[in-house]
């Protein structure tokens, strides 16, 4: 299964739109592009395998595997990239500004449900990021 993230870059942050089979799933917010620097930049465009992950902080969420020069890049809830993210990606229901959105947990739950069903079917889930 493939998910596609189409990004638009701004100095203040990165906004995106997430699709599966040409079906819109929600928007995304991220930090601005700053040459893939840890904790202050979004990750490079490319193709990343997603895995299921659980933590007390975020509960069920997703982990991007093999991000160059980075580790523990997640898809987790957040509504303000510059205050809540350190290189991760947050799905949001609606954009409310540059790198800001609302109802992140709602979209993450939908995304987790879709991906976990694919994992149960032993399918590989890939996130393709491009501008």
Protein backbone atom coordinates (compact mmCIF):
# COMPACT_ATOMS: atom_id res chain seq x y z
CA UNK A 1 0.00 0.00 0.00
CA UNK A 2 1.27 3.45 -0.85
CA UNK A 3 0.49 6.77 0.77
CA UNK A 4 1.49 9.97 -1.04
CA UNK A 5 2.41 13.20 0.73
CA UNK A 6 2.52 16.30 -1.49
CA UNK A 7 4.39 19.12 0.26
CA UNK A 8 4.49 22.89 -0.09
CA UNK A 9 7.50 24.57 1.54
CA UNK A 10 7.47 27.90 3.33
CA UNK A 11 10.06 29.70 5.44
CA UNK A 12 7.90 29.20 8.55
CA UNK A 13 7.11 25.53 7.96
CA UNK A 14 5.88 22.87 5.57
CA UNK A 15 2.26 22.08 4.74
CA UNK A 16 1.16 18.99 2.88
CA UNK A 17 -1.73 16.92 1.63
CA UNK A 18 -1.90 13.17 2.22
CA UNK A 19 -3.47 10.75 -0.25
CA UNK A 20 -4.11 7.02 -0.64
CA UNK A 21 -5.22 5.74 -4.05
CA UNK A 22 -5.83 9.34 -5.12
CA UNK A 23 -8.20 9.73 -2.13
CA UNK A 24 -7.54 12.69 0.14
CA UNK A 25 -6.94 11.59 3.75
CA UNK A 26 -5.98 14.88 5.38
CA UNK A 27 -3.37 17.60 5.55
CA UNK A 28 0.05 17.45 7.21
CA UNK A 29 2.25 19.94 9.01
CA UNK A 30 6.03 19.81 9.43
CA UNK A 31 9.00 21.98 10.24
CA UNK A 32 10.55 24.00 7.40
CA UNK A 33 13.25 22.47 5.18
CA UNK A 34 16.63 23.20 6.77
CA UNK A 35 18.93 20.74 4.99
CA UNK A 36 17.70 17.73 7.01
CA UNK A 37 19.22 19.06 10.25
CA UNK A 38 18.09 17.08 13.29
CA UNK A 39 15.24 18.52 15.34
CA UNK A 40 14.83 21.69 13.21
CA UNK A 41 14.10 20.39 9.69
CA UNK A 42 11.54 18.27 7.94
CA UNK A 43 13.00 15.11 6.40
CA UNK A 44 14.09 14.80 2.74
CA UNK A 45 11.64 13.90 0.02
CA UNK A 46 11.70 10.21 -0.82
CA UNK A 47 10.08 6.85 -0.16
CA UNK A 48 9.87 5.52 3.39
CA UNK A 49 8.47 2.31 4.82
CA UNK A 50 6.02 2.79 7.68
CA UNK A 51 5.83 0.56 10.75
CA UNK A 52 3.39 0.39 13.63
CA UNK A 53 4.60 1.98 16.87
CA UNK A 54 3.16 2.53 20.34
CA UNK A 55 4.28 4.86 23.12
CA UNK A 56 2.61 6.15 26.26
CA UNK A 57 2.90 9.71 24.95
CA UNK A 58 1.36 9.21 21.48
CA UNK A 59 -0.40 5.82 21.90
CA UNK A 60 -0.70 4.08 18.48
CA UNK A 61 1.14 5.96 15.73
CA UNK A 62 3.56 5.32 12.82
CA UNK A 63 7.33 5.18 12.46
CA UNK A 64 9.19 6.07 9.22
CA UNK A 65 12.02 3.61 8.61
CA UNK A 66 15.49 4.41 7.21
CA UNK A 67 15.36 8.18 7.08
CA UNK A 68 18.84 9.30 6.01
CA UNK A 69 20.90 10.74 8.90
CA UNK A 70 17.84 10.70 11.19
CA UNK A 71 16.19 8.36 13.65
CA UNK A 72 12.81 8.02 15.31
CA UNK A 73 10.92 10.04 12.70
CA UNK A 74 7.24 9.54 13.46
CA UNK A 75 3.77 10.33 12.21
CA UNK A 76 2.14 11.53 15.44
CA UNK A 77 -0.44 14.10 16.57
CA UNK A 78 0.46 17.79 16.76
CA UNK A 79 -1.28 21.03 15.82
CA UNK A 80 1.72 23.39 15.70
CA UNK A 81 4.85 22.07 13.99
CA UNK A 82 7.20 24.70 15.42
CA UNK A 83 6.09 24.03 19.00
CA UNK A 84 5.38 20.28 18.93
CA UNK A 85 7.56 18.62 16.27
CA UNK A 86 11.28 17.86 16.05
CA UNK A 87 11.39 16.56 12.48
CA UNK A 88 8.29 14.36 12.60
CA UNK A 89 5.11 14.66 10.53
CA UNK A 90 1.70 15.47 12.00
CA UNK A 91 -1.53 14.80 10.12
CA UNK A 92 -4.24 17.42 10.65
CA UNK A 93 -7.87 17.68 9.58
CA UNK A 94 -7.61 21.30 8.50
CA UNK A 95 -4.76 23.76 8.07
CA UNK A 96 -4.99 26.88 10.22
CA UNK A 97 -1.78 28.54 9.06
CA UNK A 98 1.77 27.77 8.01
CA UNK A 99 2.79 24.56 9.80
CA UNK A 100 -0.38 24.77 11.91
CA UNK A 101 -3.56 22.75 11.87
CA UNK A 102 -6.48 21.42 13.89
CA UNK A 103 -7.90 18.02 14.89
CA UNK A 104 -4.64 16.13 14.48
CA UNK A 105 -5.68 13.13 16.60
CA UNK A 106 -8.79 12.55 14.46
CA UNK A 107 -6.77 12.23 11.25
CA UNK A 108 -4.03 10.19 12.93
CA UNK A 109 -6.61 7.68 14.18
CA UNK A 110 -7.98 7.29 10.65
CA UNK A 111 -4.47 6.88 9.24
CA UNK A 112 -3.42 4.40 11.93
CA UNK A 113 -6.57 2.35 11.30
CA UNK A 114 -5.87 2.17 7.56
CA UNK A 115 -2.20 1.28 8.04
CA UNK A 116 -2.71 -1.24 10.86
CA UNK A 117 -5.28 -3.08 8.70
CA UNK A 118 -2.65 -3.29 5.95
CA UNK A 119 -0.07 -4.54 8.47
CA UNK A 120 -2.55 -7.23 9.57
CA UNK A 121 -2.78 -8.32 5.92
CA UNK A 122 1.06 -8.51 5.91
CA UNK A 123 1.25 -5.64 3.39
CA UNK A 124 4.20 -3.28 3.21
CA UNK A 125 3.09 0.34 3.72
CA UNK A 126 5.14 3.03 2.00
CA UNK A 127 4.98 6.81 2.36
CA UNK A 128 6.15 8.69 -0.74
CA UNK A 129 7.01 12.33 -0.05
CA UNK A 130 7.38 14.89 -2.86
CA UNK A 131 6.70 18.51 -3.63
